[in-house]
Amino acid sequence: MENKEYSRRKFINKCLSSGSMFLGAAIILNSCNSKKSGVEEKNQSKSGEPCDDLSNVSAEEIEKRGKFGYVKKSTDPKRFCSNCSLHIPPVSEKDCGGCMLFKGPVDPEGSCIQFVAKV
């Protein structure tokens, strides 16, 4: 019993070192992936329209837009962003408005599931 090849201390040290090695490898492999996320890439437009430019919007905010069901063109003629009380009007005619629910440009003809009609 005195001649133990492995002690509890050695076993725990090996487990911790292996775990940290795998964690480090995962971090390195994740940082090597320079391609943009699918959601961000899909929602960025190259058309030059100010309401389509999501380049300054984080991936989390783009995902939030999707969760609220935001679309650029409303299918209901009575439910559109510029007729919603959560809509933030644009500063100038060339700019797009915004929304109190998520960041980024909002098309005045767009809509989402959180529509609240103006009183």
N, C-alpha and C. Protein backbone atom coordinates (compact mmCIF):
# COMPACT_ATOMS: atom_id res chain seq x y z
N MET A 1 0.81 -1.19 0.00
CA MET A 1 0.00 0.00 0.00
C MET A 1 0.86 1.26 0.00
N GLU A 2 2.05 1.19 0.47
CA GLU A 2 2.90 2.37 0.52
C GLU A 2 3.42 2.76 -0.85
N ASN A 3 3.53 1.83 -1.75
CA ASN A 3 4.10 2.09 -3.06
C ASN A 3 2.98 2.38 -4.07
N LYS A 4 2.36 3.56 -3.94
CA LYS A 4 1.29 3.95 -4.85
C LYS A 4 1.91 4.65 -6.06
N GLU A 5 1.45 4.23 -7.23
CA GLU A 5 1.96 4.85 -8.44
C GLU A 5 1.31 6.22 -8.67
N TYR A 6 0.01 6.33 -8.37
CA TYR A 6 -0.69 7.60 -8.51
C TYR A 6 -1.35 7.96 -7.19
N SER A 7 -1.22 9.22 -6.84
CA SER A 7 -1.90 9.71 -5.65
C SER A 7 -3.09 10.55 -6.10
N ARG A 8 -3.93 10.88 -5.17
CA ARG A 8 -5.08 11.72 -5.47
C ARG A 8 -4.64 13.08 -6.00
N ARG A 9 -3.60 13.63 -5.44
CA ARG A 9 -3.08 14.93 -5.83
C ARG A 9 -2.61 14.91 -7.30
N LYS A 10 -1.91 13.86 -7.70
CA LYS A 10 -1.45 13.75 -9.08
C LYS A 10 -2.63 13.61 -10.04
N PHE A 11 -3.62 12.83 -9.63
CA PHE A 11 -4.81 12.65 -10.46
C PHE A 11 -5.54 13.97 -10.68
N ILE A 12 -5.74 14.75 -9.63
CA ILE A 12 -6.42 16.04 -9.74
C ILE A 12 -5.61 17.01 -10.59
N ASN A 13 -4.30 17.02 -10.42
CA ASN A 13 -3.44 17.89 -11.24
C ASN A 13 -3.54 17.54 -12.71
N LYS A 14 -3.56 16.24 -13.03
CA LYS A 14 -3.67 15.83 -14.43
C LYS A 14 -5.03 16.23 -15.00
N CYS A 15 -6.09 16.08 -14.23
CA CYS A 15 -7.42 16.47 -14.69
C CYS A 15 -7.50 17.97 -14.96
N LEU A 16 -6.99 18.76 -14.05
CA LEU A 16 -7.03 20.21 -14.22
C LEU A 16 -6.17 20.67 -15.39
N SER A 17 -5.00 20.08 -15.55
CA SER A 17 -4.14 20.50 -16.66
C SER A 17 -4.74 20.08 -18.01
N SER A 18 -5.35 18.91 -18.07
CA SER A 18 -5.99 18.47 -19.31
C SER A 18 -7.19 19.36 -19.64
N GLY A 19 -7.97 19.67 -18.62
CA GLY A 19 -9.14 20.54 -18.83
C GLY A 19 -8.75 21.92 -19.31
N SER A 20 -7.72 22.49 -18.71
CA SER A 20 -7.29 23.82 -19.13
C SER A 20 -6.68 23.79 -20.53
N MET A 21 -6.04 22.68 -20.88
CA MET A 21 -5.48 22.55 -22.22
C MET A 21 -6.61 22.52 -23.27
N PHE A 22 -7.67 21.75 -23.01
CA PHE A 22 -8.80 21.69 -23.93
C PHE A 22 -9.51 23.04 -24.03
N LEU A 23 -9.66 23.73 -22.91
CA LEU A 23 -10.29 25.04 -22.91
C LEU A 23 -9.47 26.03 -23.73
N GLY A 24 -8.17 26.03 -23.55
CA GLY A 24 -7.29 26.91 -24.32
C GLY A 24 -7.36 26.62 -25.81
N ALA A 25 -7.39 25.35 -26.17
CA ALA A 25 -7.49 24.97 -27.58
C ALA A 25 -8.82 25.43 -28.17
N ALA A 26 -9.90 25.31 -27.41
CA ALA A 26 -11.20 25.74 -27.89
C ALA A 26 -11.24 27.25 -28.10
N ILE A 27 -10.63 28.00 -27.20
CA ILE A 27 -10.58 29.46 -27.34
C ILE A 27 -9.77 29.86 -28.57
N ILE A 28 -8.65 29.21 -28.77
CA ILE A 28 -7.80 29.53 -29.93
C ILE A 28 -8.53 29.19 -31.23
N LEU A 29 -9.17 28.02 -31.29
CA LEU A 29 -9.89 27.64 -32.50
C LEU A 29 -11.07 28.57 -32.78
N ASN A 30 -11.74 29.01 -31.74
CA ASN A 30 -12.87 29.92 -31.90
C ASN A 30 -12.41 31.28 -32.40
N SER A 31 -11.29 31.76 -31.91
CA SER A 31 -10.81 33.08 -32.34
C SER A 31 -10.24 33.04 -33.75
N CYS A 32 -9.86 31.87 -34.24
CA CYS A 32 -9.35 31.75 -35.61
C CYS A 32 -10.45 31.87 -36.64
N ASN A 33 -11.68 31.67 -36.25
CA ASN A 33 -12.81 31.75 -37.17
C ASN A 33 -13.13 33.21 -37.43
N SER A 34 -12.68 33.74 -38.55
CA SER A 34 -12.86 35.16 -38.84
C SER A 34 -14.14 35.45 -39.62
N LYS A 35 -14.85 34.42 -40.06
CA LYS A 35 -16.08 34.62 -40.81
C LYS A 35 -17.16 35.15 -39.87
N LYS A 36 -18.00 36.08 -40.36
CA LYS A 36 -19.07 36.66 -39.57
C LYS A 36 -20.14 35.61 -39.31
N SER A 37 -20.90 35.83 -38.25
CA SER A 37 -21.98 34.89 -37.94
C SER A 37 -23.02 34.90 -39.05
N GLY A 38 -23.76 33.82 -39.19
CA GLY A 38 -24.75 33.70 -40.25
C GLY A 38 -25.84 34.75 -40.17
N VAL A 39 -26.30 35.07 -38.95
CA VAL A 39 -27.35 36.06 -38.77
C VAL A 39 -26.86 37.43 -39.23
N GLU A 40 -25.67 37.80 -38.79
CA GLU A 40 -25.12 39.11 -39.13
C GLU A 40 -24.87 39.22 -40.63
N GLU A 41 -24.33 38.17 -41.22
CA GLU A 41 -24.01 38.19 -42.65
C GLU A 41 -25.29 38.26 -43.47
N LYS A 42 -26.32 37.57 -43.05
CA LYS A 42 -27.57 37.53 -43.79
C LYS A 42 -28.27 38.89 -43.75
N ASN A 43 -28.18 39.62 -42.61
CA ASN A 43 -28.91 40.85 -42.45
C ASN A 43 -28.17 42.09 -42.95
N GLN A 44 -26.91 41.98 -43.29
CA GLN A 44 -26.19 43.13 -43.81
C GLN A 44 -26.45 43.25 -45.30
N SER A 45 -26.79 44.42 -45.70
CA SER A 45 -27.10 44.63 -47.11
C SER A 45 -26.07 45.53 -47.75
N LYS A 46 -25.81 45.30 -49.02
CA LYS A 46 -24.87 46.10 -49.76
C LYS A 46 -25.60 47.05 -50.71
N SER A 47 -26.89 47.27 -50.50
CA SER A 47 -27.69 48.09 -51.41
C SER A 47 -27.46 49.58 -51.23
N GLY A 48 -26.90 50.00 -50.11
CA GLY A 48 -26.66 51.41 -49.87
C GLY A 48 -27.83 52.11 -49.21
N GLU A 49 -28.94 51.44 -49.00
CA GLU A 49 -30.09 52.03 -48.33
C GLU A 49 -29.76 52.21 -46.85
N PRO A 50 -30.07 53.39 -46.27
CA PRO A 50 -29.74 53.61 -44.86
C PRO A 50 -30.49 52.68 -43.91
N CYS A 51 -31.69 52.25 -44.30
CA CYS A 51 -32.46 51.36 -43.43
C CYS A 51 -31.95 49.92 -43.48
N ASP A 52 -31.11 49.60 -44.46
CA ASP A 52 -30.57 48.26 -44.60
C ASP A 52 -29.19 48.12 -43.99
N ASP A 53 -28.55 49.21 -43.60
CA ASP A 53 -27.18 49.18 -43.10
C ASP A 53 -27.17 48.75 -41.64
N LEU A 54 -26.77 47.51 -41.39
CA LEU A 54 -26.68 46.98 -40.03
C LEU A 54 -25.23 46.77 -39.62
N SER A 55 -24.29 47.46 -40.27
CA SER A 55 -22.87 47.26 -39.99
C SER A 55 -22.47 47.71 -38.59
N ASN A 56 -23.17 48.67 -38.01
CA ASN A 56 -22.83 49.15 -36.67
C ASN A 56 -23.70 48.51 -35.59
N VAL A 57 -24.45 47.50 -35.95
CA VAL A 57 -25.35 46.83 -35.00
C VAL A 57 -24.73 45.50 -34.59
N SER A 58 -24.71 45.24 -33.29
CA SER A 58 -24.10 44.00 -32.79
C SER A 58 -24.94 42.78 -33.18
N ALA A 59 -24.30 41.64 -33.16
CA ALA A 59 -24.99 40.39 -33.50
C ALA A 59 -26.13 40.10 -32.54
N GLU A 60 -25.98 40.48 -31.27
CA GLU A 60 -27.03 40.26 -30.28
C GLU A 60 -28.27 41.08 -30.63
N GLU A 61 -28.05 42.34 -31.06
CA GLU A 61 -29.18 43.20 -31.42
C GLU A 61 -29.86 42.70 -32.70
N ILE A 62 -29.08 42.19 -33.64
CA ILE A 62 -29.65 41.64 -34.86
C ILE A 62 -30.50 40.41 -34.52
N GLU A 63 -30.00 39.61 -33.60
CA GLU A 63 -30.76 38.44 -33.16
C GLU A 63 -32.05 38.87 -32.46
N LYS A 64 -31.97 39.96 -31.67
CA LYS A 64 -33.14 40.47 -30.98
C LYS A 64 -34.20 40.94 -31.98
N ARG A 65 -33.76 41.56 -33.08
CA ARG A 65 -34.69 41.98 -34.13
C ARG A 65 -35.46 40.77 -34.66
N GLY A 66 -34.75 39.68 -34.85
CA GLY A 66 -35.38 38.45 -35.33
C GLY A 66 -36.37 37.89 -34.34
N LYS A 67 -36.05 37.97 -33.05
CA LYS A 67 -36.96 37.45 -32.02
C LYS A 67 -38.26 38.25 -31.97
N PHE A 68 -38.16 39.55 -32.26
CA PHE A 68 -39.36 40.39 -32.29
C PHE A 68 -40.11 40.27 -33.61
N GLY A 69 -39.58 39.50 -34.55
CA GLY A 69 -40.24 39.27 -35.83
C GLY A 69 -40.24 40.49 -36.73
N TYR A 70 -39.20 41.33 -36.61
CA TYR A 70 -39.13 42.53 -37.43
C TYR A 70 -38.97 42.18 -38.91
N VAL A 71 -39.78 42.83 -39.75
CA VAL A 71 -39.66 42.71 -41.20
C VAL A 71 -39.62 44.12 -41.79
N LYS A 72 -38.94 44.27 -42.92
CA LYS A 72 -38.77 45.58 -43.54
C LYS A 72 -40.06 46.11 -44.17
N LYS A 73 -40.94 45.23 -44.57
CA LYS A 73 -42.18 45.63 -45.24
C LYS A 73 -43.35 44.91 -44.56
N SER A 74 -44.23 45.68 -43.96
CA SER A 74 -45.38 45.11 -43.27
C SER A 74 -46.39 44.53 -44.26
N THR A 75 -46.98 43.41 -43.89
CA THR A 75 -48.02 42.81 -44.73
C THR A 75 -49.41 43.37 -44.39
N ASP A 76 -49.53 43.96 -43.20
CA ASP A 76 -50.80 44.56 -42.77
C ASP A 76 -50.72 46.08 -42.99
N PRO A 77 -51.61 46.67 -43.78
CA PRO A 77 -51.53 48.11 -44.06
C PRO A 77 -51.79 49.00 -42.84
N LYS A 78 -52.32 48.44 -41.77
CA LYS A 78 -52.58 49.24 -40.57
C LYS A 78 -51.48 49.09 -39.52
N ARG A 79 -50.62 48.08 -39.68
CA ARG A 79 -49.56 47.81 -38.70
C ARG A 79 -48.20 48.03 -39.34
N PHE A 80 -47.67 49.22 -39.20
CA PHE A 80 -46.34 49.52 -39.71
C PHE A 80 -45.61 50.41 -38.71
N CYS A 81 -44.30 50.40 -38.75
CA CYS A 81 -43.46 51.04 -37.74
C CYS A 81 -43.76 52.52 -37.53
N SER A 82 -43.94 53.28 -38.60
CA SER A 82 -44.18 54.72 -38.41
C SER A 82 -45.54 55.00 -37.79
N ASN A 83 -46.40 53.99 -37.68
CA ASN A 83 -47.70 54.12 -37.03
C ASN A 83 -47.69 53.48 -35.64
N CYS A 84 -46.50 53.11 -35.14
CA CYS A 84 -46.35 52.44 -33.84
C CYS A 84 -45.85 53.44 -32.80
N SER A 85 -46.34 53.32 -31.57
CA SER A 85 -45.90 54.24 -30.52
C SER A 85 -44.50 53.92 -30.01
N LEU A 86 -43.94 52.77 -30.37
CA LEU A 86 -42.56 52.42 -29.98
C LEU A 86 -41.54 52.91 -31.01
N HIS A 87 -42.01 53.45 -32.12
CA HIS A 87 -41.14 53.94 -33.20
C HIS A 87 -40.49 55.26 -32.79
N ILE A 88 -39.20 55.39 -33.07
CA ILE A 88 -38.46 56.63 -32.83
C ILE A 88 -38.31 57.29 -34.19
N PRO A 89 -38.89 58.49 -34.37
CA PRO A 89 -38.84 59.12 -35.69
C PRO A 89 -37.42 59.49 -36.11
N PRO A 90 -37.16 59.53 -37.42
CA PRO A 90 -35.82 59.88 -37.91
C PRO A 90 -35.50 61.35 -37.66
N VAL A 91 -34.20 61.64 -37.57
CA VAL A 91 -33.74 63.01 -37.34
C VAL A 91 -33.90 63.83 -38.62
N SER A 92 -33.58 63.25 -39.76
CA SER A 92 -33.75 63.94 -41.04
C SER A 92 -34.49 63.02 -42.00
N GLU A 93 -34.86 63.56 -43.17
CA GLU A 93 -35.61 62.77 -44.15
C GLU A 93 -34.81 61.60 -44.70
N LYS A 94 -33.49 61.75 -44.79
CA LYS A 94 -32.64 60.71 -45.37
C LYS A 94 -32.36 59.58 -44.38
N ASP A 95 -32.55 59.83 -43.09
CA ASP A 95 -32.27 58.83 -42.07
C ASP A 95 -33.47 57.91 -41.86
N CYS A 96 -33.19 56.80 -41.24
CA CYS A 96 -34.26 55.87 -40.85
C CYS A 96 -34.58 56.12 -39.38
N GLY A 97 -35.74 55.72 -39.01
CA GLY A 97 -36.12 55.83 -37.62
C GLY A 97 -35.50 54.70 -36.81
N GLY A 98 -35.94 54.61 -35.57
CA GLY A 98 -35.45 53.56 -34.69
C GLY A 98 -36.61 52.94 -33.94
N CYS A 99 -36.27 52.10 -33.00
CA CYS A 99 -37.29 51.43 -32.19
C CYS A 99 -36.82 51.40 -30.74
N MET A 100 -37.76 51.48 -29.83
CA MET A 100 -37.42 51.43 -28.40
C MET A 100 -37.07 50.01 -27.96
N LEU A 101 -37.39 49.01 -28.76
CA LEU A 101 -37.17 47.61 -28.38
C LEU A 101 -35.79 47.10 -28.75
N PHE A 102 -35.22 47.60 -29.84
CA PHE A 102 -33.92 47.12 -30.30
C PHE A 102 -33.18 48.25 -31.00
N LYS A 103 -31.88 48.10 -31.13
CA LYS A 103 -31.03 49.11 -31.75
C LYS A 103 -30.94 48.90 -33.25
N GLY A 104 -30.58 49.95 -33.94
CA GLY A 104 -30.38 49.87 -35.38
C GLY A 104 -31.48 50.58 -36.15
N PRO A 105 -31.25 50.76 -37.45
CA PRO A 105 -32.24 51.44 -38.28
C PRO A 105 -33.51 50.63 -38.47
N VAL A 106 -34.63 51.34 -38.53
CA VAL A 106 -35.93 50.70 -38.70
C VAL A 106 -36.64 51.36 -39.89
N ASP A 107 -37.07 50.56 -40.82
CA ASP A 107 -37.79 51.06 -41.99
C ASP A 107 -39.18 51.51 -41.55
N PRO A 108 -39.62 52.70 -41.97
CA PRO A 108 -40.95 53.18 -41.55
C PRO A 108 -42.09 52.28 -42.01
N GLU A 109 -41.86 51.50 -43.05
CA GLU A 109 -42.90 50.59 -43.55
C GLU A 109 -42.78 49.19 -42.96
N GLY A 110 -41.85 49.00 -42.04
CA GLY A 110 -41.63 47.70 -41.42
C GLY A 110 -42.64 47.41 -40.33
N SER A 111 -42.49 46.26 -39.69
CA SER A 111 -43.40 45.87 -38.62
C SER A 111 -42.76 44.77 -37.79
N CYS A 112 -43.29 44.57 -36.57
CA CYS A 112 -42.87 43.47 -35.71
C CYS A 112 -44.05 43.00 -34.87
N ILE A 113 -43.85 41.98 -34.07
CA ILE A 113 -44.95 41.42 -33.29
C ILE A 113 -45.32 42.27 -32.07
N GLN A 114 -44.50 43.24 -31.72
CA GLN A 114 -44.76 44.09 -30.57
C GLN A 114 -45.44 45.41 -30.95
N PHE A 115 -46.14 45.44 -32.05
CA PHE A 115 -46.77 46.66 -32.56
C PHE A 115 -47.76 47.22 -31.54
N VAL A 116 -47.64 48.54 -31.26
CA VAL A 116 -48.55 49.26 -30.38
C VAL A 116 -49.02 50.49 -31.14
N ALA A 117 -50.28 50.52 -31.52
CA ALA A 117 -50.80 51.62 -32.33
C ALA A 117 -50.71 52.94 -31.58
N LYS A 118 -50.41 54.03 -32.33
CA LYS A 118 -50.38 55.37 -31.75
C LYS A 118 -51.78 55.78 -31.38
N VAL A 119 -51.89 56.50 -30.30
CA VAL A 119 -53.20 56.96 -29.84
C VAL A 119 -53.56 58.26 -30.50
